[in-house]
C-alpha atoms as a PDB file:
ATOM      1  CA  MET A   1     -47.237 -40.851 -93.518  1.00  0.00           C
ATOM      2  CA  ARG A   2     -43.431 -39.817 -93.933  1.00  0.00           C
ATOM      3  CA  ALA A   3     -39.846 -39.359 -92.415  1.00  0.00           C
ATOM      4  CA  LEU A   4     -36.785 -38.464 -91.720  1.00  0.00           C
ATOM      5  CA  VAL A   5     -35.018 -40.922 -89.733  1.00  0.00           C
ATOM      6  CA  GLN A   6     -31.341 -40.469 -88.622  1.00  0.00           C
ATOM      7  CA  ARG A   7     -29.239 -42.554 -86.945  1.00  0.00           C
ATOM      8  CA  VAL A   8     -27.557 -40.224 -83.075  1.00  0.00           C
ATOM      9  CA  THR A   9     -25.638 -40.200 -80.845  1.00  0.00           C
ATOM     10  CA  ASP A  10     -27.429 -38.340 -79.473  1.00  0.00           C
ATOM     11  CA  ALA A  11     -30.521 -35.203 -79.721  1.00  0.00           C
ATOM     12  CA  CYS A  12     -32.671 -32.824 -78.324  1.00  0.00           C
ATOM     13  CA  VAL A  13     -35.108 -30.541 -78.637  1.00  0.00           C
ATOM     14  CA  ARG A  14     -35.730 -27.239 -76.979  1.00  0.00           C
ATOM     15  CA  VAL A  15     -38.980 -24.525 -77.043  1.00  0.00           C
ATOM     16  CA  ASP A  16     -37.699 -21.158 -75.758  1.00  0.00           C
ATOM     17  CA  GLY A  17     -34.554 -22.302 -74.571  1.00  0.00           C
ATOM     18  CA  ALA A  18     -35.702 -24.938 -72.573  1.00  0.00           C
ATOM     19  CA  LEU A  19     -35.094 -28.462 -72.768  1.00  0.00           C
ATOM     20  CA  ILE A  20     -37.960 -30.407 -73.804  1.00  0.00           C
ATOM     21  CA  GLY A  21     -36.966 -33.881 -74.887  1.00  0.00           C
ATOM     22  CA  GLU A  22     -33.194 -35.440 -75.090  1.00  0.00           C
ATOM     23  CA  ILE A  23     -32.057 -38.475 -75.421  1.00  0.00           C
ATOM     24  CA  GLY A  24     -28.417 -40.788 -75.995  1.00  0.00           C
ATOM     25  CA  THR A  25     -27.870 -43.283 -78.295  1.00  0.00           C
ATOM     26  CA  GLY A  26     -30.908 -43.628 -80.784  1.00  0.00           C
ATOM     27  CA  LEU A  27     -33.156 -41.758 -83.827  1.00  0.00           C
ATOM     28  CA  LEU A  28     -34.603 -38.870 -84.536  1.00  0.00           C
ATOM     29  CA  ILE A  29     -37.072 -38.959 -86.235  1.00  0.00           C
ATOM     30  CA  LEU A  30     -38.755 -36.035 -88.376  1.00  0.00           C
ATOM     31  CA  VAL A  31     -42.460 -37.340 -88.873  1.00  0.00           C
ATOM     32  CA  CYS A  32     -44.878 -35.357 -91.248  1.00  0.00           C
ATOM     33  CA  ALA A  33     -48.485 -36.867 -91.767  1.00  0.00           C
ATOM     34  CA  MET A  34     -49.089 -36.455 -95.238  1.00  0.00           C
ATOM     35  CA  ASP A  35     -53.139 -35.109 -95.903  1.00  0.00           C
ATOM     36  CA  GLY A  36     -55.342 -38.471 -96.379  1.00  0.00           C
ATOM     37  CA  ASP A  37     -53.059 -40.587 -93.740  1.00  0.00           C
ATOM     38  CA  ASP A  38     -54.624 -42.820 -90.271  1.00  0.00           C
ATOM     39  CA  ALA A  39     -53.728 -45.039 -87.837  1.00  0.00           C
ATOM     40  CA  ALA A  40     -53.219 -47.544 -89.888  1.00  0.00           C
ATOM     41  CA  LYS A  41     -49.978 -45.591 -91.726  1.00  0.00           C
ATOM     42  CA  SER A  42     -49.092 -44.486 -88.353  1.00  0.00           C
ATOM     43  CA  LYS A  43     -48.821 -48.127 -86.997  1.00  0.00           C
ATOM     44  CA  ALA A  44     -46.827 -48.810 -90.601  1.00  0.00           C
ATOM     45  CA  LEU A  45     -43.915 -46.615 -89.903  1.00  0.00           C
ATOM     46  CA  ALA A  46     -43.544 -46.929 -86.870  1.00  0.00           C
ATOM     47  CA  ALA A  47     -42.726 -51.391 -87.451  1.00  0.00           C
ATOM     48  CA  LYS A  48     -41.200 -49.957 -90.028  1.00  0.00           C
ATOM     49  CA  ILE A  49     -38.805 -47.573 -88.434  1.00  0.00           C
ATOM     50  CA  SER A  50     -37.927 -50.203 -85.179  1.00  0.00           C
ATOM     51  CA  LYS A  51     -37.324 -52.958 -87.270  1.00  0.00           C
ATOM     52  CA  LEU A  52     -34.640 -50.898 -89.549  1.00  0.00           C
ATOM     53  CA  ARG A  53     -31.482 -52.907 -89.313  1.00  0.00           C
ATOM     54  CA  ILE A  54     -28.956 -49.202 -89.390  1.00  0.00           C
ATOM     55  CA  PHE A  55     -27.344 -50.053 -86.072  1.00  0.00           C
ATOM     56  CA  THR A  56     -23.373 -51.511 -86.632  1.00  0.00           C
ATOM     57  CA  ASP A  57     -23.316 -55.468 -85.093  1.00  0.00           C
ATOM     58  CA  GLU A  58     -19.374 -56.270 -83.492  1.00  0.00           C
ATOM     59  CA  ALA A  59     -18.718 -57.047 -86.948  1.00  0.00           C
ATOM     60  CA  GLY A  60     -19.407 -53.741 -87.612  1.00  0.00           C
ATOM     61  CA  LYS A  61     -22.026 -53.948 -90.124  1.00  0.00           C
ATOM     62  CA  MET A  62     -25.218 -52.067 -89.949  1.00  0.00           C
ATOM     63  CA  ASN A  63     -27.281 -55.529 -89.197  1.00  0.00           C
ATOM     64  CA  ARG A  64     -29.253 -54.119 -85.528  1.00  0.00           C
ATOM     65  CA  SER A  65     -32.273 -51.961 -85.271  1.00  0.00           C
ATOM     66  CA  LEU A  66     -33.314 -49.727 -83.212  1.00  0.00           C
ATOM     67  CA  VAL A  67     -34.471 -52.148 -80.562  1.00  0.00           C
ATOM     68  CA  ASP A  68     -31.997 -54.511 -80.907  1.00  0.00           C
ATOM     69  CA  VAL A  69     -29.636 -52.016 -79.457  1.00  0.00           C
ATOM     70  CA  GLY A  70     -31.687 -50.714 -76.894  1.00  0.00           C
ATOM     71  CA  GLY A  71     -32.071 -47.603 -78.466  1.00  0.00           C
ATOM     72  CA  ALA A  72     -34.379 -44.099 -77.769  1.00  0.00           C
ATOM     73  CA  ALA A  73     -36.603 -42.192 -80.225  1.00  0.00           C
ATOM     74  CA  LEU A  74     -36.958 -38.997 -80.295  1.00  0.00           C
ATOM     75  CA  ILE A  75     -40.029 -37.526 -82.568  1.00  0.00           C
ATOM     76  CA  VAL A  76     -40.333 -33.835 -83.652  1.00  0.00           C
ATOM     77  CA  SER A  77     -43.292 -33.515 -86.145  1.00  0.00           C
ATOM     78  CA  GLN A  78     -42.517 -30.877 -88.606  1.00  0.00           C
ATOM     79  CA  PHE A  79     -45.597 -30.161 -91.363  1.00  0.00           C
ATOM     80  CA  THR A  80     -42.472 -29.094 -93.773  1.00  0.00           C
ATOM     81  CA  LEU A  81     -41.481 -32.742 -95.172  1.00  0.00           C
ATOM     82  CA  ALA A  82     -44.749 -32.326 -97.557  1.00  0.00           C
ATOM     83  CA  ALA A  83     -42.609 -29.715 -99.510  1.00  0.00           C
ATOM     84  CA  ASP A  84     -43.364 -29.210-102.653  1.00  0.00           C
ATOM     85  CA  THR A  85     -40.781 -27.092-104.596  1.00  0.00           C
ATOM     86  CA  SER A  86     -42.675 -27.725-107.629  1.00  0.00           C
ATOM     87  CA  ARG A  87     -42.959 -24.751-108.995  1.00  0.00           C
ATOM     88  CA  GLY A  88     -40.529 -22.697-107.956  1.00  0.00           C
ATOM     89  CA  ASN A  89     -38.752 -21.548-105.483  1.00  0.00           C
ATOM     90  CA  ARG A  90     -41.349 -21.181-103.137  1.00  0.00           C
ATOM     91  CA  PRO A  91     -42.453 -24.540-101.543  1.00  0.00           C
ATOM     92  CA  GLY A  92     -46.350 -25.237-100.537  1.00  0.00           C
ATOM     93  CA  PHE A  93     -47.299 -27.792 -98.421  1.00  0.00           C
ATOM     94  CA  SER A  94     -51.125 -28.402 -99.575  1.00  0.00           C
ATOM     95  CA  ALA A  95     -49.779 -32.383 -99.072  1.00  0.00           C
ATOM     96  CA  ALA A  96     -49.289 -32.141 -95.777  1.00  0.00           C
ATOM     97  CA  ALA A  97     -52.249 -33.126 -93.624  1.00  0.00           C
ATOM     98  CA  SER A  98     -54.588 -30.329 -91.506  1.00  0.00           C
ATOM     99  CA  PRO A  99     -53.855 -28.894 -88.380  1.00  0.00           C
ATOM    100  CA  ASP A 100     -55.926 -30.959 -86.422  1.00  0.00           C
ATOM    101  CA  GLN A 101     -55.413 -34.244 -88.402  1.00  0.00           C
ATOM    102  CA  GLY A 102     -51.316 -33.740 -88.337  1.00  0.00           C
ATOM    103  CA  ARG A 103     -51.571 -33.359 -84.154  1.00  0.00           C
ATOM    104  CA  ALA A 104     -54.068 -36.729 -83.699  1.00  0.00           C
ATOM    105  CA  LEU A 105     -51.384 -38.934 -85.838  1.00  0.00           C
ATOM    106  CA  TYR A 106     -48.273 -37.095 -84.685  1.00  0.00           C
ATOM    107  CA  GLU A 107     -49.731 -38.383 -81.215  1.00  0.00           C
ATOM    108  CA  GLN A 108     -50.437 -41.971 -82.006  1.00  0.00           C
ATOM    109  CA  PHE A 109     -47.266 -42.091 -84.766  1.00  0.00           C
ATOM    110  CA  VAL A 110     -45.570 -41.610 -80.583  1.00  0.00           C
ATOM    111  CA  THR A 111     -48.168 -44.016 -79.165  1.00  0.00           C
ATOM    112  CA  ASP A 112     -47.193 -46.242 -81.669  1.00  0.00           C
ATOM    113  CA  ILE A 113     -43.708 -45.972 -81.585  1.00  0.00           C
ATOM    114  CA  ALA A 114     -43.885 -46.114 -77.361  1.00  0.00           C
ATOM    115  CA  ASP A 115     -45.982 -49.257 -78.126  1.00  0.00           C
ATOM    116  CA  LEU A 116     -43.059 -50.929 -79.468  1.00  0.00           C
ATOM    117  CA  GLY A 117     -41.437 -51.025 -76.182  1.00  0.00           C
ATOM    118  CA  ILE A 118     -39.052 -48.046 -77.278  1.00  0.00           C
ATOM    119  CA  ASN A 119     -38.262 -45.101 -74.498  1.00  0.00           C
ATOM    120  CA  THR A 120     -39.199 -42.056 -75.873  1.00  0.00           C
ATOM    121  CA  ALA A 121     -39.089 -38.181 -76.498  1.00  0.00           C
ATOM    122  CA  THR A 122     -40.783 -35.995 -78.013  1.00  0.00           C
ATOM    123  CA  GLY A 123     -40.458 -32.016 -79.416  1.00  0.00           C
ATOM    124  CA  SER A 124     -43.748 -30.147 -78.360  1.00  0.00           C
ATOM    125  CA  PHE A 125     -46.586 -29.782 -81.944  1.00  0.00           C
ATOM    126  CA  GLY A 126     -46.725 -26.734 -83.671  1.00  0.00           C
ATOM    127  CA  ALA A 127     -43.696 -25.980 -81.627  1.00  0.00           C
ATOM    128  CA  ASP A 128     -40.526 -22.856 -83.033  1.00  0.00           C
ATOM    129  CA  MET A 129     -38.054 -25.876 -81.901  1.00  0.00           C
ATOM    130  CA  ALA A 130     -34.676 -25.304 -81.717  1.00  0.00           C
ATOM    131  CA  VAL A 131     -33.199 -29.536 -82.496  1.00  0.00           C
ATOM    132  CA  SER A 132     -29.864 -30.275 -81.949  1.00  0.00           C
ATOM    133  CA  LEU A 133     -28.205 -33.993 -82.933  1.00  0.00           C
ATOM    134  CA  THR A 134     -24.937 -35.413 -83.082  1.00  0.00           C
ATOM    135  CA  ASN A 135     -25.633 -37.761 -86.383  1.00  0.00           C
ATOM    136  CA  ASP A 136     -23.659 -41.083 -86.499  1.00  0.00           C
ATOM    137  CA  GLY A 137     -22.324 -42.461 -89.584  1.00  0.00           C
ATOM    138  CA  PRO A 138     -23.653 -40.034 -90.659  1.00  0.00           C
ATOM    139  CA  VAL A 139     -27.123 -41.916 -91.304  1.00  0.00           C
ATOM    140  CA  THR A 140     -29.717 -40.444 -93.010  1.00  0.00           C
ATOM    141  CA  ILE A 141     -33.252 -42.558 -94.610  1.00  0.00           C
ATOM    142  CA  TRP A 142     -35.793 -41.280 -95.966  1.00  0.00           C
ATOM    143  CA  LEU A 143     -39.083 -43.171 -95.407  1.00  0.00           C
ATOM    144  CA  ASP A 144     -43.052 -42.575 -96.783  1.00  0.00           C
ATOM    145  CA  VAL A 145     -45.327 -44.836 -96.358  1.00  0.00           C
END
């Protein structure tokens, strides 16, 4: 699975103008299931993200995790993270999981994050979403598992 993680002071997602997910301090996680991914990869990605020490401690060092700071996660499906631009200017997305598998793994990932005690909010799988955020730092990290 692949994720783009952004440390935020706030983030929200809207579909057709309606607010469907919102968090304060925490992480905006854009997540993509890749072809061949499974539940074990979802669990591994959730564990890795929950332990990333990217929040500042009292000394101003990035030394605390999402769990340590009691932050929340806004999880948004984003198949475009599978983009392959090696053959020109039009991205190909054949490395992404099929829509059915992608939905199942996205939902599994949301459950895996919540099972770690992290307050979660979500986007809407497959919807045309408007995501707003205030990137804190900025801190943006790409993860593949």
